[in-house]
Structure formats: C-alpha cells, structure tokens
Protein backbone atom coordinates (compact mmCIF):
# COMPACT_ATOMS: atom_id res chain seq x y z
CA UNK A 1 0.00 0.00 0.00
CA UNK A 2 1.47 3.34 -1.04
CA UNK A 3 1.40 5.83 1.80
CA UNK A 4 0.79 8.92 -0.29
CA UNK A 5 -1.90 10.47 1.91
CA UNK A 6 -2.81 10.89 5.55
CA UNK A 7 -5.69 8.46 4.90
CA UNK A 8 -3.22 5.80 3.75
CA UNK A 9 -0.85 6.44 6.66
CA UNK A 10 -3.78 6.23 9.08
CA UNK A 11 -4.94 2.90 7.64
CA UNK A 12 -1.40 1.48 7.57
CA UNK A 13 -0.80 2.44 11.22
CA UNK A 14 -4.22 1.07 12.17
CA UNK A 15 -3.32 -2.28 10.58
CA UNK A 16 0.00 -2.23 12.45
CA UNK A 17 -1.75 -1.68 15.79
CA UNK A 18 -4.36 -4.33 14.99
CA UNK A 19 -1.53 -6.85 14.62
CA UNK A 20 0.13 -5.59 17.82
CA UNK A 21 -3.02 -5.78 19.95
CA UNK A 22 -3.91 -9.26 18.67
CA UNK A 23 -0.39 -10.49 19.45
CA UNK A 24 -0.53 -8.91 22.92
CA UNK A 25 -3.65 -10.94 23.75
CA UNK A 26 -1.33 -13.97 23.52
CA UNK A 27 1.80 -12.44 25.11
CA UNK A 28 0.24 -10.89 28.24
CA UNK A 29 -1.08 -14.19 29.67
CA UNK A 30 2.43 -15.70 29.27
CA UNK A 31 3.90 -12.74 31.13
CA UNK A 32 1.29 -13.16 33.88
CA UNK A 33 2.39 -16.79 34.33
CA UNK A 34 6.06 -15.78 34.61
CA UNK A 35 5.44 -12.99 37.13
CA UNK A 36 6.13 -13.93 40.75
CA UNK A 37 4.45 -10.81 42.16
CA UNK A 38 0.70 -11.49 42.44
CA UNK A 39 0.04 -7.79 41.85
CA UNK A 40 2.07 -7.89 38.63
CA UNK A 41 0.40 -11.11 37.46
CA UNK A 42 -3.01 -9.49 38.09
CA UNK A 43 -1.96 -6.36 36.18
CA UNK A 44 -0.96 -8.44 33.16
CA UNK A 45 -4.15 -10.51 33.34
CA UNK A 46 -6.44 -7.48 33.58
CA UNK A 47 -4.56 -5.70 30.78
CA UNK A 48 -4.92 -8.81 28.61
CA UNK A 49 -8.70 -8.48 29.07
CA UNK A 50 -8.51 -4.77 28.22
CA UNK A 51 -6.45 -5.65 25.15
CA UNK A 52 -9.30 -7.83 23.87
CA UNK A 53 -11.40 -4.65 24.01
CA UNK A 54 -8.69 -2.73 22.14
CA UNK A 55 -8.91 -5.29 19.32
CA UNK A 56 -12.70 -4.85 19.20
CA UNK A 57 -12.36 -1.05 19.16
CA UNK A 58 -9.87 -1.20 16.30
CA UNK A 59 -12.33 -3.37 14.37
CA UNK A 60 -14.95 -0.64 14.92
CA UNK A 61 -12.50 2.00 13.67
CA UNK A 62 -11.95 -0.03 10.50
CA UNK A 63 -15.76 -0.10 10.06
CA UNK A 64 -15.95 3.67 10.55
CA UNK A 65 -13.40 4.28 7.79
CA UNK A 66 -15.04 1.72 5.52
CA UNK A 67 -12.11 -0.70 5.44
CA UNK A 68 -11.70 -4.38 6.23
CA UNK A 69 -9.91 -5.08 9.53
CA UNK A 70 -6.60 -6.55 8.36
CA UNK A 71 -3.43 -6.85 10.36
CA UNK A 72 0.01 -5.90 9.07
CA UNK A 73 3.04 -7.34 10.85
CA UNK A 74 4.22 -4.84 13.44
CA UNK A 75 8.01 -4.96 13.38
CA UNK A 76 8.24 -2.77 16.48
CA UNK A 77 6.14 -5.17 18.54
CA UNK A 78 8.09 -8.14 17.17
CA UNK A 79 11.30 -6.54 18.49
CA UNK A 80 9.78 -5.57 21.84
CA UNK A 81 8.31 -9.06 22.15
CA UNK A 82 11.73 -10.62 21.50
CA UNK A 83 13.18 -8.49 24.31
CA UNK A 84 10.44 -9.73 26.65
CA UNK A 85 11.13 -13.34 25.61
CA UNK A 86 14.81 -12.80 26.40
CA UNK A 87 13.94 -11.63 29.93
CA UNK A 88 11.60 -14.60 30.45
CA UNK A 89 14.30 -17.04 29.31
CA UNK A 90 17.30 -15.52 31.07
CA UNK A 91 16.16 -14.01 34.39
CA UNK A 92 17.42 -16.24 37.18
CA UNK A 93 15.71 -14.52 40.10
CA UNK A 94 12.01 -13.82 40.69
CA UNK A 95 12.59 -10.15 41.52
CA UNK A 96 14.83 -9.67 38.50
CA UNK A 97 12.25 -11.47 36.33
CA UNK A 98 9.46 -9.17 37.55
CA UNK A 99 11.59 -6.02 37.06
CA UNK A 100 12.47 -7.16 33.53
CA UNK A 101 8.86 -8.02 32.72
CA UNK A 102 7.74 -4.56 33.87
CA UNK A 103 10.42 -2.85 31.77
CA UNK A 104 9.43 -4.92 28.73
CA UNK A 105 5.74 -4.22 29.26
CA UNK A 106 6.37 -0.50 29.68
CA UNK A 107 8.34 -0.39 26.43
CA UNK A 108 5.25 -1.81 24.72
CA UNK A 109 2.94 0.62 26.54
CA UNK A 110 5.05 3.59 25.48
CA UNK A 111 4.98 2.42 21.87
CA UNK A 112 1.20 2.03 22.05
CA UNK A 113 0.78 5.45 23.69
CA UNK A 114 2.77 7.04 20.85
CA UNK A 115 0.80 5.19 18.16
CA UNK A 116 -2.66 5.79 19.65
CA UNK A 117 -1.81 9.48 20.17
CA UNK A 118 -0.92 9.79 16.48
CA UNK A 119 -3.94 7.75 15.32
CA UNK A 120 -6.29 9.86 17.42
CA UNK A 121 -4.87 13.12 16.04
CA UNK A 122 -5.01 11.84 12.46
CA UNK A 123 -8.58 10.58 12.92
CA UNK A 124 -9.54 14.10 14.04
CA UNK A 125 -7.88 15.68 11.00
CA UNK A 126 -9.60 13.17 8.71
CA UNK A 127 -13.01 13.93 10.31
CA UNK A 128 -13.49 10.43 11.74
CA UNK A 129 -14.94 11.80 14.99
CA UNK A 130 -16.39 8.43 16.06
CA UNK A 131 -12.93 6.90 15.62
CA UNK A 132 -11.32 9.66 17.73
CA UNK A 133 -13.35 8.74 20.80
CA UNK A 134 -12.57 5.03 20.42
CA UNK A 135 -8.86 5.67 19.93
CA UNK A 136 -8.72 8.12 22.84
CA UNK A 137 -10.42 5.60 25.12
CA UNK A 138 -7.71 3.05 24.29
CA UNK A 139 -5.00 5.71 24.67
CA UNK A 140 -6.23 6.49 28.20
CA UNK A 141 -6.24 2.78 29.11
CA UNK A 142 -2.67 2.38 27.83
CA UNK A 143 -1.57 5.38 29.93
CA UNK A 144 -3.33 3.90 32.98
CA UNK A 145 -1.63 0.53 32.42
CA UNK A 146 1.74 2.29 32.27
CA UNK A 147 0.99 4.16 35.53
CA UNK A 148 -0.06 0.92 37.21
CA UNK A 149 3.22 -0.70 36.15
CA UNK A 150 5.14 2.31 37.54
CA UNK A 151 3.52 1.74 40.93
CA UNK A 152 4.26 -1.99 40.94
CA UNK A 153 7.85 -1.31 39.81
CA UNK A 154 8.61 0.58 43.02
CA UNK A 155 8.18 -2.60 45.06
CA UNK A 156 9.51 -5.03 42.47
CA UNK A 157 12.68 -3.06 41.74
CA UNK A 158 13.50 -3.03 45.45
CA UNK A 159 13.18 -6.85 45.50
CA UNK A 160 15.36 -7.15 42.40
CA UNK A 161 18.08 -5.04 44.06
CA UNK A 162 18.52 -7.71 46.69
CA UNK A 163 18.98 -10.55 44.21
CA UNK A 164 22.25 -12.42 44.61
CA UNK A 165 24.62 -11.68 41.75
CA UNK A 166 25.72 -14.90 40.02
CA UNK A 167 29.38 -15.60 40.56
C-alpha cells in the first residue's frame, strides 16, 4: 500500500496496531504466568482483558473508515516481544524477572501510547470523529496501564536489588 496520503498512513498504522493488539492478547497471559508478584500477574491478566477490548475497538474504527480489519506485521512489537522473551528465558531470580517483565511491558505501553496518540490526532484531521473517541479511550487505558506498572515497579525493583549476583 502506497502511503501517499494521511488516509493511507492512518490505515497502515491502524493495521499495524491491529496486529500488535492481537499479538498482545497472547503475550500478556504468558507474562502473567512468569510474574512472581501477584500484583504484577493481576496487572498483566487485567490488561490482557482490556487488550481484547482494544482489538474490538480497532475493528470498529476499520468499520468507521469503511475498510476491512486486516493486520500488518508490526516490526516494532516483534522486536519488543523478543526483548520480553529474552527476559523470560534468562532471568534467574524472581525479583529480577518481575523487574524485567515490567520494563518490557512499559516499552510496549510507550509504543502504544505514541501510536494511539498519532492515530487519534489523524482521525480528528480526517473527520473520523467516532474513531477519535474510540482511539482516545484506548490511549487512556494504555496510559493507565503504564501508571499501574510504575507503581508496581517501586516494590519489584526493590526486591530485584537484593537478588544475589551470580558468581
């Protein structure tokens, strides 16, 4: 798809986020299982449920713009996901695992916040007012998820500091 208009860029980015959100519905439950902090596991589980809603909202946005909901591989999420996999494979301490999971999750949240901010602005410029409200709702939930992770990180990072360094 040639991105020669804001319309085309909007649709391309929407397809990118559709892929990302669908993939996150599979990744977040895995992260919840790896988390040792019950609070962190709960945060991942509840955000996985929210993410299902994000997928549904994106499908509604596709309807609003008169396009078929189709995903396009999100290279950014693939890279962020690989970093999260690395943490899950290599962390040798529960506290370190949780700190790494939070950092990985926040990298994803920050990417999503940037993308949903842009999509919302573009939707406004393209006069897709119904799409703006859906995108802004998701944007606010991504910001809230990031804030929640910040709060959990304060405790988790303290635990990780006391991990024994491998000799």
